[in-house]
N, C-alpha and C. Protein backbone atom coordinates (compact mmCIF):
# COMPACT_ATOMS: atom_id res chain seq x y z
N UNK A 1 94.82 111.76 98.96
CA UNK A 1 96.00 111.23 99.60
C UNK A 1 95.78 109.76 99.93
N UNK A 2 96.81 108.96 99.75
CA UNK A 2 96.72 107.53 100.04
C UNK A 2 96.91 107.27 101.53
N UNK A 3 96.20 106.28 102.04
CA UNK A 3 96.37 105.85 103.42
C UNK A 3 97.07 104.50 103.40
N UNK A 4 98.15 104.39 104.15
CA UNK A 4 98.95 103.17 104.15
C UNK A 4 98.60 102.30 105.35
N UNK A 5 98.61 100.99 105.10
CA UNK A 5 98.41 100.05 106.19
C UNK A 5 99.71 99.96 106.98
N UNK A 6 99.60 100.09 108.29
CA UNK A 6 100.80 100.07 109.14
C UNK A 6 101.46 98.69 109.13
N UNK A 7 102.77 98.71 109.23
CA UNK A 7 103.57 97.51 109.39
C UNK A 7 103.47 96.53 108.22
N UNK A 8 103.03 96.98 107.08
CA UNK A 8 103.01 96.13 105.88
C UNK A 8 103.90 96.78 104.84
N UNK A 9 104.89 96.07 104.34
CA UNK A 9 105.76 96.65 103.32
C UNK A 9 104.97 97.02 102.06
N UNK A 10 105.26 98.19 101.50
CA UNK A 10 104.62 98.65 100.27
C UNK A 10 105.50 98.26 99.09
N UNK A 11 104.96 97.48 98.17
CA UNK A 11 105.69 97.01 97.01
C UNK A 11 105.01 97.49 95.75
N UNK A 12 105.77 98.09 94.85
CA UNK A 12 105.26 98.54 93.56
C UNK A 12 105.66 97.53 92.49
N UNK A 13 104.69 97.07 91.70
CA UNK A 13 104.93 96.12 90.62
C UNK A 13 104.66 96.84 89.30
N UNK A 14 105.68 96.89 88.42
CA UNK A 14 105.58 97.64 87.17
C UNK A 14 105.81 96.69 86.00
N UNK A 15 104.79 96.50 85.18
CA UNK A 15 104.92 95.65 84.00
C UNK A 15 103.78 95.96 83.05
N UNK A 16 104.07 95.96 81.74
CA UNK A 16 103.03 96.24 80.75
C UNK A 16 102.22 95.01 80.38
N UNK A 17 102.68 93.83 80.77
CA UNK A 17 101.93 92.58 80.56
C UNK A 17 100.98 92.41 81.75
N UNK A 18 99.66 92.44 81.55
CA UNK A 18 98.73 92.39 82.68
C UNK A 18 98.82 91.13 83.54
N UNK A 19 99.30 90.03 82.99
CA UNK A 19 99.38 88.79 83.78
C UNK A 19 100.46 88.87 84.86
N UNK A 20 101.57 89.50 84.55
CA UNK A 20 102.69 89.54 85.50
C UNK A 20 102.30 90.26 86.79
N UNK A 21 101.77 91.49 86.74
CA UNK A 21 101.38 92.14 87.99
C UNK A 21 100.32 91.35 88.77
N UNK A 22 99.40 90.71 88.07
CA UNK A 22 98.38 89.92 88.76
C UNK A 22 99.01 88.79 89.56
N UNK A 23 99.92 88.07 88.95
CA UNK A 23 100.59 86.95 89.63
C UNK A 23 101.46 87.44 90.78
N UNK A 24 102.29 88.46 90.51
CA UNK A 24 103.22 88.95 91.52
C UNK A 24 102.48 89.59 92.70
N UNK A 25 101.47 90.41 92.42
CA UNK A 25 100.76 91.07 93.52
C UNK A 25 99.98 90.07 94.37
N UNK A 26 99.46 89.02 93.75
CA UNK A 26 98.77 87.98 94.52
C UNK A 26 99.73 87.32 95.51
N UNK A 27 100.90 86.94 95.03
CA UNK A 27 101.89 86.28 95.89
C UNK A 27 102.38 87.23 96.99
N UNK A 28 102.63 88.47 96.65
CA UNK A 28 103.10 89.43 97.65
C UNK A 28 102.02 89.73 98.68
N UNK A 29 100.78 89.82 98.26
CA UNK A 29 99.68 90.05 99.20
C UNK A 29 99.55 88.88 100.18
N UNK A 30 99.69 87.67 99.66
CA UNK A 30 99.65 86.49 100.55
C UNK A 30 100.80 86.49 101.55
N UNK A 31 101.91 87.12 101.15
CA UNK A 31 103.08 87.21 102.03
C UNK A 31 102.98 88.37 103.02
N UNK A 32 101.89 89.12 102.96
CA UNK A 32 101.67 90.19 103.93
C UNK A 32 102.10 91.57 103.47
N UNK A 33 102.30 91.75 102.18
CA UNK A 33 102.69 93.06 101.64
C UNK A 33 101.48 93.80 101.11
N UNK A 34 101.57 95.11 101.10
CA UNK A 34 100.59 95.93 100.42
C UNK A 34 101.16 96.21 99.04
N UNK A 35 100.41 95.89 98.00
CA UNK A 35 100.94 96.01 96.64
C UNK A 35 100.23 97.10 95.86
N UNK A 36 100.98 97.69 94.96
CA UNK A 36 100.49 98.70 94.03
C UNK A 36 101.04 98.33 92.66
N UNK A 37 100.40 98.77 91.61
CA UNK A 37 100.89 98.42 90.28
C UNK A 37 100.88 99.63 89.37
N UNK A 38 101.69 99.52 88.33
CA UNK A 38 101.75 100.52 87.27
C UNK A 38 101.98 99.75 85.97
N UNK A 39 101.38 100.22 84.88
CA UNK A 39 101.45 99.51 83.60
C UNK A 39 102.56 100.02 82.69
N UNK A 40 103.21 101.14 83.05
CA UNK A 40 104.30 101.65 82.22
C UNK A 40 105.23 102.51 83.08
N UNK A 41 106.31 102.94 82.46
CA UNK A 41 107.32 103.69 83.20
C UNK A 41 106.84 105.03 83.72
N UNK A 42 106.04 105.75 82.93
CA UNK A 42 105.53 107.05 83.39
C UNK A 42 104.62 106.88 84.60
N UNK A 43 103.76 105.88 84.55
CA UNK A 43 102.88 105.60 85.70
C UNK A 43 103.71 105.18 86.90
N UNK A 44 104.80 104.46 86.67
CA UNK A 44 105.66 104.02 87.76
C UNK A 44 106.29 105.21 88.48
N UNK A 45 106.77 106.18 87.72
CA UNK A 45 107.37 107.38 88.31
C UNK A 45 106.36 108.09 89.21
N UNK A 46 105.12 108.20 88.73
CA UNK A 46 104.06 108.84 89.53
C UNK A 46 103.75 108.02 90.78
N UNK A 47 103.65 106.71 90.63
CA UNK A 47 103.33 105.84 91.78
C UNK A 47 104.44 105.87 92.83
N UNK A 48 105.68 105.98 92.39
CA UNK A 48 106.80 106.07 93.34
C UNK A 48 106.61 107.29 94.23
N UNK A 49 106.22 108.42 93.63
CA UNK A 49 105.98 109.64 94.42
C UNK A 49 104.79 109.48 95.36
N UNK A 50 103.72 108.86 94.88
CA UNK A 50 102.50 108.70 95.69
C UNK A 50 102.66 107.70 96.82
N UNK A 51 103.20 106.54 96.49
CA UNK A 51 103.19 105.38 97.39
C UNK A 51 104.41 105.32 98.30
N UNK A 52 105.55 105.81 97.80
CA UNK A 52 106.82 105.69 98.53
C UNK A 52 107.08 104.23 98.91
N UNK A 53 107.21 103.35 97.91
CA UNK A 53 107.39 101.92 98.20
C UNK A 53 108.76 101.63 98.81
N UNK A 54 108.85 100.53 99.52
CA UNK A 54 110.15 100.09 100.05
C UNK A 54 110.84 99.18 99.06
N UNK A 55 110.07 98.62 98.10
CA UNK A 55 110.63 97.74 97.08
C UNK A 55 109.79 97.84 95.82
N UNK A 56 110.41 97.41 94.70
CA UNK A 56 109.72 97.47 93.43
C UNK A 56 110.16 96.29 92.56
N UNK A 57 109.20 95.70 91.87
CA UNK A 57 109.46 94.70 90.83
C UNK A 57 109.25 95.45 89.52
N UNK A 58 110.32 95.56 88.73
CA UNK A 58 110.32 96.46 87.58
C UNK A 58 110.65 95.72 86.28
N UNK A 59 109.74 95.78 85.31
CA UNK A 59 110.00 95.24 83.98
C UNK A 59 110.93 96.20 83.25
N UNK A 60 111.96 95.66 82.62
CA UNK A 60 112.89 96.50 81.88
C UNK A 60 112.35 96.85 80.50
N UNK A 61 111.72 95.90 79.83
CA UNK A 61 111.25 96.08 78.45
C UNK A 61 109.79 96.52 78.42
N UNK A 62 109.58 97.84 78.35
CA UNK A 62 108.23 98.39 78.26
C UNK A 62 108.25 99.48 77.19
N UNK A 63 107.12 99.69 76.52
CA UNK A 63 107.07 100.79 75.55
C UNK A 63 107.09 102.14 76.27
N UNK A 64 107.50 103.16 75.55
CA UNK A 64 107.59 104.49 76.16
C UNK A 64 108.77 104.55 77.09
N UNK A 65 108.54 104.97 78.31
CA UNK A 65 109.60 105.01 79.32
C UNK A 65 109.82 103.59 79.84
N UNK A 66 110.97 103.01 79.50
CA UNK A 66 111.25 101.63 79.91
C UNK A 66 111.82 101.58 81.33
N UNK A 67 112.14 100.39 81.77
CA UNK A 67 112.66 100.21 83.12
C UNK A 67 113.96 100.96 83.37
N UNK A 68 114.82 101.03 82.35
CA UNK A 68 116.06 101.79 82.50
C UNK A 68 115.78 103.27 82.71
N UNK A 69 114.76 103.79 82.02
CA UNK A 69 114.35 105.18 82.21
C UNK A 69 113.83 105.42 83.62
N UNK A 70 113.08 104.47 84.15
CA UNK A 70 112.58 104.58 85.53
C UNK A 70 113.76 104.60 86.50
N UNK A 71 114.72 103.70 86.28
CA UNK A 71 115.91 103.67 87.15
C UNK A 71 116.70 104.97 87.07
N UNK A 72 116.81 105.54 85.86
CA UNK A 72 117.51 106.82 85.70
C UNK A 72 116.79 107.92 86.48
N UNK A 73 115.46 107.95 86.38
CA UNK A 73 114.68 108.93 87.14
C UNK A 73 114.90 108.75 88.65
N UNK A 74 114.91 107.50 89.08
CA UNK A 74 115.12 107.22 90.50
C UNK A 74 116.50 107.68 90.95
N UNK A 75 117.50 107.53 90.10
CA UNK A 75 118.85 107.98 90.45
C UNK A 75 118.89 109.49 90.58
N UNK A 76 118.26 110.18 89.63
CA UNK A 76 118.24 111.65 89.65
C UNK A 76 117.54 112.18 90.90
N UNK A 77 116.43 111.55 91.28
CA UNK A 77 115.65 112.03 92.42
C UNK A 77 116.17 111.51 93.76
N UNK A 78 117.10 110.55 93.72
CA UNK A 78 117.64 110.00 94.96
C UNK A 78 116.84 108.86 95.54
N UNK A 79 115.72 108.52 94.91
CA UNK A 79 114.90 107.44 95.46
C UNK A 79 115.52 106.07 95.22
N UNK A 80 116.52 105.99 94.36
CA UNK A 80 117.16 104.71 94.08
C UNK A 80 117.85 104.15 95.33
N UNK A 81 118.22 105.02 96.25
CA UNK A 81 118.87 104.59 97.49
C UNK A 81 117.91 103.93 98.48
N UNK A 82 116.63 104.27 98.39
CA UNK A 82 115.69 103.82 99.41
C UNK A 82 114.70 102.75 98.91
N UNK A 83 114.75 102.40 97.62
CA UNK A 83 113.81 101.44 97.07
C UNK A 83 114.57 100.24 96.52
N UNK A 84 114.44 99.09 97.17
CA UNK A 84 115.05 97.87 96.66
C UNK A 84 114.33 97.50 95.37
N UNK A 85 115.08 97.15 94.32
CA UNK A 85 114.46 96.90 93.02
C UNK A 85 114.87 95.56 92.44
N UNK A 86 113.87 94.78 92.04
CA UNK A 86 114.09 93.54 91.32
C UNK A 86 113.70 93.80 89.87
N UNK A 87 114.62 93.59 88.94
CA UNK A 87 114.37 93.88 87.54
C UNK A 87 113.98 92.60 86.80
N UNK A 88 112.92 92.71 85.99
CA UNK A 88 112.47 91.60 85.15
C UNK A 88 112.89 91.87 83.72
N UNK A 89 113.44 90.87 83.07
CA UNK A 89 113.85 91.02 81.65
C UNK A 89 112.89 90.29 80.74
């Protein structure tokens, strides 16, 4: 089970390009957020269940389950209402 740091927003960064999560998570960490990453849509779905993020930076163009597929899953499960999402094209 994951242990969360209190009073720090949990942000999930999802992108198949390794440079993007590195840059985004560094900036978010400096801003006081706890960051998590996933390299594809399937990993993102799992991380959403584990981490319960308050926000997500989501790449739309990924192999396999793309960002639209992640958003569809979030809509079906109802998590789309509770997770603010910034989409990267």
